[in-house]
Structures are given as structure tokens and as C-alpha cells.
Amino acid sequence: QVQLVESGGELVQAGGSLTLSCAASGRTFSSNAMGWFRQAQVKEREFVATVNWSGDSTYYRDSVKGRFTISRDNAKNTVYLQMNKLKPEDTAVYYCAASSWFASASARALNYDYWGQGTQVTVSS
């Protein structure tokens, strides 16, 4: 059974930093794209960041560019999201996603077929 388990979400003050981790089990994703999405209350899920299979190509939504960094460790089957200079508008449940067939970095949720349960990030002002 394939599982993606996120961790690292918590309450933090504006301007602070957090690192989210997503550990995959049940299969390896070392040849596949992985990404992070988020969903705030009463909003639709939105793309945050993505990384290609090798980790040398990344893409971010405009509002997090320069503040968030996505990376991966294929030996550990894990993807990370380093979040700096957090803002209250970053408050959301953050979801890890992995693709079983897509290798390039992708912002399209439809390219991902495995999803974690989410981890809550709350940024206080």
C-alpha cells in the first residue's frame, strides 16, 4: 500500500520558518515528479511547488517564490518544503503529492495520483 505522510506543520508567527517533510512508502518515486499543494478554509486546493524526478528542476506559485524551497532526497523517498518569511495568507492544510507516471515538475494536480492526508500550517499575525 502506497502512503505519503506529511509532517512539520504547526503554529508559527508571521516572519517565521517551517520545514515540511513528506515520506513515501510502499513504492519508490525516484523517477517521478512530486509536489506540494495547499488548501485554505473555504478555498480550493492550489498548487504551491513541484520538483522533477532528479531534483534539478523546480517550479513555484508566484506568491511563494523567493520564500519557499522544494527539495527531495530520493534515497529517503522524501520531499521537503522549506518555508521562510511566512505570512498569515500561507495558513492552510499542506498536501504532498506524487506521480506514478509523470517525471517533469508539474503544477497540474491531475498529474499526481498519490496524495497525503495533509498537515496544518497556521501563521499568526
N, C-alpha and C. Protein backbone atom coordinates (compact mmCIF):
# COMPACT_ATOMS: atom_id res chain seq x y z
N GLN A 1 0.85 -1.19 0.00
CA GLN A 1 0.00 0.00 0.00
C GLN A 1 0.89 1.24 0.00
N VAL A 2 0.63 2.12 -0.95
CA VAL A 2 1.43 3.34 -1.05
C VAL A 2 0.88 4.39 -0.08
N GLN A 3 1.79 5.01 0.65
CA GLN A 3 1.39 6.07 1.57
C GLN A 3 2.33 7.25 1.46
N LEU A 4 1.77 8.43 1.57
CA LEU A 4 2.54 9.66 1.70
C LEU A 4 2.17 10.27 3.04
N VAL A 5 3.16 10.49 3.88
CA VAL A 5 2.89 11.00 5.22
C VAL A 5 3.63 12.32 5.40
N GLU A 6 2.84 13.39 5.58
CA GLU A 6 3.42 14.71 5.80
C GLU A 6 3.66 14.94 7.28
N SER A 7 4.63 15.78 7.57
CA SER A 7 4.89 16.20 8.94
C SER A 7 5.53 17.58 8.92
N GLY A 8 5.52 18.22 10.08
CA GLY A 8 6.19 19.51 10.21
C GLY A 8 5.26 20.70 10.33
N GLY A 9 3.99 20.52 10.08
CA GLY A 9 3.09 21.64 10.19
C GLY A 9 2.84 22.02 11.64
N GLU A 10 2.72 23.32 11.89
CA GLU A 10 2.44 23.80 13.24
C GLU A 10 2.07 25.27 13.20
N LEU A 11 1.82 25.82 14.36
CA LEU A 11 1.53 27.25 14.51
C LEU A 11 2.83 28.03 14.58
N VAL A 12 2.94 29.06 13.77
CA VAL A 12 4.16 29.87 13.75
C VAL A 12 3.77 31.34 13.56
N GLN A 13 4.60 32.23 14.04
CA GLN A 13 4.33 33.66 13.89
C GLN A 13 4.74 34.14 12.49
N ALA A 14 4.09 35.17 12.04
CA ALA A 14 4.45 35.75 10.76
C ALA A 14 5.93 36.11 10.74
N GLY A 15 6.57 35.82 9.62
CA GLY A 15 8.00 36.05 9.50
C GLY A 15 8.85 34.85 9.88
N GLY A 16 8.21 33.85 10.45
CA GLY A 16 8.93 32.66 10.87
C GLY A 16 9.14 31.66 9.76
N SER A 17 9.72 30.52 10.12
CA SER A 17 10.04 29.48 9.15
C SER A 17 9.55 28.12 9.62
N LEU A 18 9.28 27.27 8.65
CA LEU A 18 8.91 25.89 8.90
C LEU A 18 9.46 25.03 7.78
N THR A 19 9.73 23.78 8.10
CA THR A 19 10.09 22.82 7.06
C THR A 19 9.12 21.65 7.12
N LEU A 20 8.43 21.42 6.02
CA LEU A 20 7.53 20.28 5.91
C LEU A 20 8.27 19.12 5.26
N SER A 21 7.95 17.93 5.70
CA SER A 21 8.51 16.71 5.12
C SER A 21 7.38 15.81 4.66
N CYS A 22 7.66 15.05 3.63
CA CYS A 22 6.69 14.07 3.14
C CYS A 22 7.45 12.79 2.81
N ALA A 23 7.18 11.76 3.60
CA ALA A 23 7.85 10.49 3.41
C ALA A 23 6.93 9.52 2.70
N ALA A 24 7.43 8.95 1.62
CA ALA A 24 6.64 7.99 0.84
C ALA A 24 7.05 6.57 1.20
N SER A 25 6.07 5.69 1.21
CA SER A 25 6.34 4.27 1.46
C SER A 25 5.46 3.44 0.55
N GLY A 26 5.86 2.22 0.35
CA GLY A 26 5.08 1.32 -0.49
C GLY A 26 5.58 1.24 -1.93
N ARG A 27 6.25 2.25 -2.39
CA ARG A 27 6.89 2.25 -3.70
C ARG A 27 7.86 3.42 -3.74
N THR A 28 8.78 3.38 -4.67
CA THR A 28 9.71 4.48 -4.82
C THR A 28 9.21 5.48 -5.86
N PHE A 29 9.48 6.76 -5.60
CA PHE A 29 9.11 7.81 -6.53
C PHE A 29 10.34 8.50 -7.09
N SER A 30 11.47 7.83 -7.09
CA SER A 30 12.73 8.44 -7.52
C SER A 30 12.75 8.79 -9.01
N SER A 31 11.83 8.27 -9.77
CA SER A 31 11.74 8.59 -11.20
C SER A 31 10.55 9.47 -11.52
N ASN A 32 9.94 10.03 -10.50
CA ASN A 32 8.66 10.73 -10.69
C ASN A 32 8.63 12.10 -10.05
N ALA A 33 7.75 12.94 -10.56
CA ALA A 33 7.55 14.26 -10.01
C ALA A 33 6.86 14.17 -8.65
N MET A 34 7.18 15.13 -7.81
CA MET A 34 6.50 15.27 -6.53
C MET A 34 6.18 16.74 -6.34
N GLY A 35 5.20 17.01 -5.50
CA GLY A 35 4.80 18.41 -5.33
C GLY A 35 4.10 18.66 -4.02
N TRP A 36 3.87 19.93 -3.77
CA TRP A 36 3.11 20.38 -2.61
C TRP A 36 1.94 21.25 -3.08
N PHE A 37 0.80 21.01 -2.49
CA PHE A 37 -0.39 21.81 -2.72
C PHE A 37 -0.92 22.25 -1.36
N ARG A 38 -1.80 23.21 -1.36
CA ARG A 38 -2.38 23.64 -0.08
C ARG A 38 -3.84 24.02 -0.28
N GLN A 39 -4.56 23.96 0.82
CA GLN A 39 -5.97 24.34 0.80
C GLN A 39 -6.32 25.09 2.06
N ALA A 40 -6.68 26.35 1.88
CA ALA A 40 -7.13 27.17 3.00
C ALA A 40 -8.64 26.98 3.16
N GLN A 41 -9.14 27.38 4.31
CA GLN A 41 -10.57 27.24 4.55
C GLN A 41 -11.35 28.01 3.51
N VAL A 42 -12.44 27.45 3.06
CA VAL A 42 -13.37 28.00 2.06
C VAL A 42 -12.67 28.36 0.76
N LYS A 43 -11.53 27.72 0.49
CA LYS A 43 -10.85 27.94 -0.78
C LYS A 43 -10.57 26.59 -1.43
N GLU A 44 -10.33 26.62 -2.73
CA GLU A 44 -9.98 25.41 -3.44
C GLU A 44 -8.50 25.09 -3.23
N ARG A 45 -8.18 23.80 -3.41
CA ARG A 45 -6.79 23.40 -3.30
C ARG A 45 -5.98 24.08 -4.39
N GLU A 46 -4.78 24.57 -4.05
CA GLU A 46 -3.96 25.27 -5.02
C GLU A 46 -2.54 24.73 -5.01
N PHE A 47 -1.91 24.85 -6.14
CA PHE A 47 -0.52 24.43 -6.30
C PHE A 47 0.41 25.33 -5.52
N VAL A 48 1.46 24.75 -4.93
CA VAL A 48 2.47 25.53 -4.22
C VAL A 48 3.84 25.37 -4.88
N ALA A 49 4.31 24.13 -5.00
CA ALA A 49 5.66 23.91 -5.53
C ALA A 49 5.75 22.49 -6.07
N THR A 50 6.67 22.31 -7.03
CA THR A 50 6.88 20.99 -7.61
C THR A 50 8.35 20.80 -7.93
N VAL A 51 8.77 19.54 -7.95
CA VAL A 51 10.15 19.20 -8.27
C VAL A 51 10.14 17.99 -9.19
N ASN A 52 11.07 17.99 -10.14
CA ASN A 52 11.12 16.86 -11.07
C ASN A 52 11.80 15.66 -10.42
N TRP A 53 11.92 14.59 -11.15
CA TRP A 53 12.38 13.34 -10.58
C TRP A 53 13.79 13.43 -10.00
N SER A 54 14.66 14.24 -10.61
CA SER A 54 16.06 14.30 -10.17
C SER A 54 16.32 15.42 -9.18
N GLY A 55 15.37 16.31 -9.04
CA GLY A 55 15.54 17.41 -8.10
C GLY A 55 16.18 18.65 -8.66
N ASP A 56 16.50 18.66 -9.96
CA ASP A 56 17.20 19.82 -10.53
C ASP A 56 16.28 20.77 -11.28
N SER A 57 15.00 20.52 -11.23
CA SER A 57 14.03 21.41 -11.85
C SER A 57 12.87 21.62 -10.89
N THR A 58 12.62 22.88 -10.57
CA THR A 58 11.55 23.21 -9.64
C THR A 58 10.69 24.33 -10.21
N TYR A 59 9.49 24.44 -9.66
CA TYR A 59 8.56 25.48 -10.10
C TYR A 59 7.67 25.85 -8.92
N TYR A 60 7.37 27.16 -8.80
CA TYR A 60 6.61 27.65 -7.65
C TYR A 60 5.46 28.55 -8.09
N ARG A 61 4.44 28.62 -7.25
CA ARG A 61 3.43 29.63 -7.50
C ARG A 61 4.06 30.99 -7.18
N ASP A 62 3.57 32.02 -7.83
CA ASP A 62 4.21 33.34 -7.72
C ASP A 62 4.28 33.84 -6.28
N SER A 63 3.26 33.59 -5.51
CA SER A 63 3.20 34.18 -4.17
C SER A 63 4.21 33.59 -3.19
N VAL A 64 4.83 32.47 -3.53
CA VAL A 64 5.80 31.86 -2.62
C VAL A 64 7.23 31.90 -3.17
N LYS A 65 7.38 32.37 -4.40
CA LYS A 65 8.73 32.45 -4.99
C LYS A 65 9.64 33.31 -4.14
N GLY A 66 10.85 32.81 -3.90
CA GLY A 66 11.81 33.53 -3.09
C GLY A 66 11.65 33.28 -1.59
N ARG A 67 10.54 32.65 -1.20
CA ARG A 67 10.33 32.36 0.23
C ARG A 67 10.32 30.85 0.50
N PHE A 68 9.81 30.06 -0.43
CA PHE A 68 9.71 28.61 -0.26
C PHE A 68 10.72 27.91 -1.15
N THR A 69 11.22 26.77 -0.67
CA THR A 69 12.13 25.95 -1.46
C THR A 69 11.71 24.49 -1.34
N ILE A 70 11.50 23.87 -2.49
CA ILE A 70 11.18 22.45 -2.51
C ILE A 70 12.45 21.67 -2.84
N SER A 71 12.61 20.53 -2.19
CA SER A 71 13.76 19.67 -2.47
C SER A 71 13.35 18.22 -2.21
N ARG A 72 14.20 17.32 -2.64
CA ARG A 72 13.88 15.91 -2.43
C ARG A 72 15.14 15.12 -2.16
N ASP A 73 14.96 14.00 -1.46
CA ASP A 73 16.04 13.06 -1.19
C ASP A 73 15.54 11.70 -1.67
N ASN A 74 15.97 11.31 -2.85
CA ASN A 74 15.46 10.07 -3.43
C ASN A 74 15.90 8.84 -2.65
N ALA A 75 17.03 8.93 -1.99
CA ALA A 75 17.48 7.80 -1.17
C ALA A 75 16.53 7.54 -0.01
N LYS A 76 15.89 8.63 0.46
CA LYS A 76 14.95 8.51 1.57
C LYS A 76 13.49 8.51 1.09
N ASN A 77 13.30 8.65 -0.23
CA ASN A 77 11.95 8.68 -0.77
C ASN A 77 11.12 9.78 -0.11
N THR A 78 11.74 10.94 0.04
CA THR A 78 11.15 12.04 0.81
C THR A 78 11.28 13.36 0.05
N VAL A 79 10.25 14.17 0.15
CA VAL A 79 10.27 15.51 -0.41
C VAL A 79 10.06 16.51 0.72
N TYR A 80 10.69 17.67 0.59
CA TYR A 80 10.65 18.69 1.63
C TYR A 80 10.12 20.00 1.06
N LEU A 81 9.59 20.83 1.98
CA LEU A 81 9.22 22.19 1.62
C LEU A 81 9.72 23.10 2.72
N GLN A 82 10.77 23.84 2.42
CA GLN A 82 11.30 24.82 3.36
C GLN A 82 10.53 26.11 3.14
N MET A 83 9.91 26.63 4.19
CA MET A 83 9.08 27.83 4.08
C MET A 83 9.65 28.91 4.99
N ASN A 84 10.06 30.01 4.40
CA ASN A 84 10.62 31.14 5.14
C ASN A 84 9.72 32.36 4.98
N LYS A 85 9.91 33.32 5.86
CA LYS A 85 9.15 34.58 5.81
C LYS A 85 7.66 34.30 5.66
N LEU A 86 7.15 33.44 6.50
CA LEU A 86 5.76 33.03 6.40
C LEU A 86 4.81 34.20 6.67
N LYS A 87 3.69 34.17 5.96
CA LYS A 87 2.68 35.21 6.07
C LYS A 87 1.35 34.57 6.50
N PRO A 88 0.47 35.34 7.11
CA PRO A 88 -0.83 34.78 7.50
C PRO A 88 -1.57 34.13 6.33
N GLU A 89 -1.39 34.66 5.14
CA GLU A 89 -2.08 34.10 3.98
C GLU A 89 -1.51 32.76 3.55
N ASP A 90 -0.42 32.31 4.17
CA ASP A 90 0.11 30.97 3.91
C ASP A 90 -0.60 29.92 4.76
N THR A 91 -1.46 30.36 5.65
CA THR A 91 -2.20 29.43 6.50
C THR A 91 -3.07 28.51 5.65
N ALA A 92 -2.89 27.21 5.84
CA ALA A 92 -3.62 26.22 5.04
C ALA A 92 -3.23 24.82 5.49
N VAL A 93 -3.96 23.85 4.99
CA VAL A 93 -3.51 22.46 5.09
C VAL A 93 -2.64 22.19 3.87
N TYR A 94 -1.44 21.71 4.11
CA TYR A 94 -0.48 21.45 3.04
C TYR A 94 -0.47 19.96 2.72
N TYR A 95 -0.61 19.66 1.43
CA TYR A 95 -0.66 18.28 0.96
C TYR A 95 0.54 17.95 0.08
N CYS A 96 1.10 16.80 0.31
CA CYS A 96 2.15 16.27 -0.54
C CYS A 96 1.50 15.44 -1.64
N ALA A 97 2.09 15.48 -2.83
CA ALA A 97 1.56 14.71 -3.95
C ALA A 97 2.70 14.07 -4.72
N ALA A 98 2.43 12.90 -5.28
CA ALA A 98 3.43 12.19 -6.07
C ALA A 98 2.77 11.58 -7.29
N SER A 99 3.53 11.54 -8.36
CA SER A 99 3.00 10.98 -9.61
C SER A 99 3.63 9.62 -9.88
N SER A 100 2.83 8.69 -10.33
CA SER A 100 3.36 7.37 -10.67
C SER A 100 3.80 7.30 -12.13
N TRP A 101 3.53 8.38 -12.91
CA TRP A 101 3.81 8.30 -14.35
C TRP A 101 4.45 9.56 -14.93
N PHE A 102 4.46 10.66 -14.18
CA PHE A 102 4.97 11.93 -14.70
C PHE A 102 6.32 12.23 -14.06
N ALA A 103 7.33 12.54 -14.87
CA ALA A 103 8.68 12.76 -14.34
C ALA A 103 9.05 14.23 -14.20
N SER A 104 8.47 15.08 -15.04
CA SER A 104 8.83 16.50 -15.01
C SER A 104 8.08 17.23 -13.92
N ALA A 105 8.64 18.35 -13.47
CA ALA A 105 7.95 19.18 -12.49
C ALA A 105 6.63 19.65 -13.10
N SER A 106 5.56 19.58 -12.33
CA SER A 106 4.24 19.91 -12.85
C SER A 106 3.39 20.58 -11.79
N ALA A 107 2.71 21.64 -12.20
CA ALA A 107 1.80 22.34 -11.30
C ALA A 107 0.37 21.82 -11.40
N ARG A 108 0.13 20.85 -12.29
CA ARG A 108 -1.22 20.36 -12.52
C ARG A 108 -1.55 19.23 -11.56
N ALA A 109 -2.56 19.42 -10.76
CA ALA A 109 -2.96 18.40 -9.79
C ALA A 109 -3.32 17.08 -10.48
N LEU A 110 -3.82 17.16 -11.71
CA LEU A 110 -4.23 15.96 -12.43
C LEU A 110 -3.06 15.05 -12.76
N ASN A 111 -1.84 15.57 -12.71
CA ASN A 111 -0.66 14.75 -12.99
C ASN A 111 -0.20 13.96 -11.78
N TYR A 112 -0.87 14.14 -10.65
CA TYR A 112 -0.49 13.43 -9.43
C TYR A 112 -1.60 12.45 -9.04
N ASP A 113 -1.20 11.22 -8.73
CA ASP A 113 -2.21 10.23 -8.37
C ASP A 113 -2.07 9.70 -6.95
N TYR A 114 -1.07 10.18 -6.24
CA TYR A 114 -0.94 9.82 -4.83
C TYR A 114 -0.90 11.10 -4.00
N TRP A 115 -1.66 11.12 -2.92
CA TRP A 115 -1.77 12.29 -2.07
C TRP A 115 -1.67 11.90 -0.60
N GLY A 116 -1.03 12.78 0.17
CA GLY A 116 -1.00 12.58 1.60
C GLY A 116 -2.27 13.10 2.25
N GLN A 117 -2.34 12.94 3.56
CA GLN A 117 -3.52 13.36 4.32
C GLN A 117 -3.47 14.84 4.70
N GLY A 118 -2.32 15.45 4.60
CA GLY A 118 -2.20 16.87 4.87
C GLY A 118 -1.63 17.17 6.25
N THR A 119 -1.01 18.33 6.35
CA THR A 119 -0.50 18.83 7.63
C THR A 119 -0.86 20.31 7.74
N GLN A 120 -1.34 20.70 8.90
CA GLN A 120 -1.84 22.07 9.09
C GLN A 120 -0.70 23.04 9.38
N VAL A 121 -0.67 24.11 8.62
CA VAL A 121 0.24 25.22 8.87
C VAL A 121 -0.59 26.44 9.19
N THR A 122 -0.34 27.02 10.35
CA THR A 122 -1.07 28.21 10.77
C THR A 122 -0.07 29.31 11.07
N VAL A 123 -0.24 30.44 10.40
CA VAL A 123 0.66 31.58 10.58
C VAL A 123 -0.13 32.69 11.24
N SER A 124 0.30 33.07 12.43
CA SER A 124 -0.39 34.12 13.17
C SER A 124 0.24 35.48 12.88
N SER A 125 -0.60 36.50 12.88
CA SER A 125 -0.11 37.85 12.58
C SER A 125 0.34 38.58 13.83
